[in-house]
Amino acid sequence: MSSEEIYTISLRELEKAKIIYDRASDSLHIIIDEGEADKALLLENNIVVRIKGSRIIEIEIQDIGKMVQE
């Protein structure tokens, strides 16, 4: 049995996603679904994925200005 966890994004929900740039924290938020996340995962390159159940509800890219400049 694999310990790998699988999370999904609904394409219908992705069509309605809100994209917000927060200048104060230099972060880009892709909000797929409102609500409280059950957990958050920090991925490489300062990307945070917030999860509710088995669904991804938000993707946050931190320090996006630095990433764009590189």
C-alpha atoms as a PDB file:
ATOM      1  CA  MET A   1       0.000   0.000   0.000  1.00  0.00           C
ATOM      2  CA  SER A   2       1.351   3.403  -0.992  1.00  0.00           C
ATOM      3  CA  SER A   3       1.550   6.281   1.489  1.00  0.00           C
ATOM      4  CA  GLU A   4       1.163   8.750  -1.387  1.00  0.00           C
ATOM      5  CA  GLU A   5      -1.727  11.185  -1.024  1.00  0.00           C
ATOM      6  CA  ILE A   6      -3.675  12.374  -4.063  1.00  0.00           C
ATOM      7  CA  TYR A   7      -5.548  15.683  -4.201  1.00  0.00           C
ATOM      8  CA  THR A   8      -7.791  16.959  -6.986  1.00  0.00           C
ATOM      9  CA  ILE A   9      -8.906  20.230  -8.544  1.00  0.00           C
ATOM     10  CA  SER A  10     -12.309  20.397 -10.181  1.00  0.00           C
ATOM     11  CA  LEU A  11     -12.005  22.032 -13.610  1.00  0.00           C
ATOM     12  CA  ARG A  12     -15.484  23.533 -13.153  1.00  0.00           C
ATOM     13  CA  GLU A  13     -14.375  25.145  -9.919  1.00  0.00           C
ATOM     14  CA  LEU A  14     -11.114  26.289 -11.510  1.00  0.00           C
ATOM     15  CA  GLU A  15     -13.090  28.241 -14.121  1.00  0.00           C
ATOM     16  CA  LYS A  16     -14.568  30.307 -11.268  1.00  0.00           C
ATOM     17  CA  ALA A  17     -11.300  30.766  -9.359  1.00  0.00           C
ATOM     18  CA  LYS A  18     -10.370  34.166  -7.955  1.00  0.00           C
ATOM     19  CA  ILE A  19      -6.839  35.382  -8.491  1.00  0.00           C
ATOM     20  CA  ILE A  20      -5.604  37.956  -5.990  1.00  0.00           C
ATOM     21  CA  TYR A  21      -2.191  39.601  -5.769  1.00  0.00           C
ATOM     22  CA  ASP A  22      -1.250  40.782  -2.279  1.00  0.00           C
ATOM     23  CA  ARG A  23       1.359  43.495  -2.720  1.00  0.00           C
ATOM     24  CA  ALA A  24       2.157  43.696   1.018  1.00  0.00           C
ATOM     25  CA  SER A  25       3.238  40.048   1.191  1.00  0.00           C
ATOM     26  CA  ASP A  26       4.207  39.762  -2.511  1.00  0.00           C
ATOM     27  CA  SER A  27       2.035  36.694  -2.870  1.00  0.00           C
ATOM     28  CA  LEU A  28      -0.388  35.489  -5.513  1.00  0.00           C
ATOM     29  CA  HIS A  29      -3.482  33.625  -4.304  1.00  0.00           C
ATOM     30  CA  ILE A  30      -5.503  31.389  -6.587  1.00  0.00           C
ATOM     31  CA  ILE A  31      -8.701  30.757  -4.617  1.00  0.00           C
ATOM     32  CA  ILE A  32     -10.578  27.814  -6.058  1.00  0.00           C
ATOM     33  CA  ASP A  33     -13.118  27.378  -3.261  1.00  0.00           C
ATOM     34  CA  GLU A  34     -13.913  29.413  -0.155  1.00  0.00           C
ATOM     35  CA  GLY A  35     -13.752  27.819   3.233  1.00  0.00           C
ATOM     36  CA  GLU A  36     -11.402  26.665   5.927  1.00  0.00           C
ATOM     37  CA  ALA A  37      -8.629  24.327   4.819  1.00  0.00           C
ATOM     38  CA  ASP A  38      -8.020  21.077   6.679  1.00  0.00           C
ATOM     39  CA  LYS A  39      -4.314  21.321   6.006  1.00  0.00           C
ATOM     40  CA  ALA A  40      -1.675  23.225   4.079  1.00  0.00           C
ATOM     41  CA  LEU A  41       1.337  21.821   2.271  1.00  0.00           C
ATOM     42  CA  LEU A  42       4.491  23.826   1.578  1.00  0.00           C
ATOM     43  CA  LEU A  43       5.944  22.805  -1.767  1.00  0.00           C
ATOM     44  CA  GLU A  44       9.167  23.839  -3.459  1.00  0.00           C
ATOM     45  CA  ASN A  45       9.654  27.471  -4.509  1.00  0.00           C
ATOM     46  CA  ASN A  46       7.466  28.832  -1.685  1.00  0.00           C
ATOM     47  CA  ILE A  47       4.218  27.443  -3.045  1.00  0.00           C
ATOM     48  CA  VAL A  48       1.541  26.680  -0.461  1.00  0.00           C
ATOM     49  CA  VAL A  49      -1.369  24.401  -1.340  1.00  0.00           C
ATOM     50  CA  ARG A  50      -4.395  24.475   0.955  1.00  0.00           C
ATOM     51  CA  ILE A  51      -6.526  21.333   1.045  1.00  0.00           C
ATOM     52  CA  LYS A  52     -10.042  20.566   2.255  1.00  0.00           C
ATOM     53  CA  GLY A  53     -10.861  16.872   2.282  1.00  0.00           C
ATOM     54  CA  SER A  54      -9.222  15.572  -0.888  1.00  0.00           C
ATOM     55  CA  ARG A  55      -9.663  18.810  -2.851  1.00  0.00           C
ATOM     56  CA  ILE A  56      -7.233  21.661  -3.397  1.00  0.00           C
ATOM     57  CA  ILE A  57      -9.044  24.865  -2.480  1.00  0.00           C
ATOM     58  CA  GLU A  58      -6.224  27.423  -2.743  1.00  0.00           C
ATOM     59  CA  ILE A  59      -2.769  27.799  -4.203  1.00  0.00           C
ATOM     60  CA  GLU A  60      -0.537  30.547  -2.830  1.00  0.00           C
ATOM     61  CA  ILE A  61       2.717  31.528  -4.505  1.00  0.00           C
ATOM     62  CA  GLN A  62       4.872  33.477  -2.055  1.00  0.00           C
ATOM     63  CA  ASP A  63       7.572  35.951  -3.123  1.00  0.00           C
ATOM     64  CA  ILE A  64       6.164  35.946  -6.637  1.00  0.00           C
ATOM     65  CA  GLY A  65       8.024  39.151  -7.572  1.00  0.00           C
ATOM     66  CA  LYS A  66      11.356  37.395  -7.030  1.00  0.00           C
ATOM     67  CA  MET A  67      10.217  34.428  -9.109  1.00  0.00           C
ATOM     68  CA  VAL A  68       9.157  36.632 -12.025  1.00  0.00           C
ATOM     69  CA  GLN A  69      12.488  38.508 -11.994  1.00  0.00           C
ATOM     70  CA  GLU A  70      14.525  35.285 -12.233  1.00  0.00           C
END
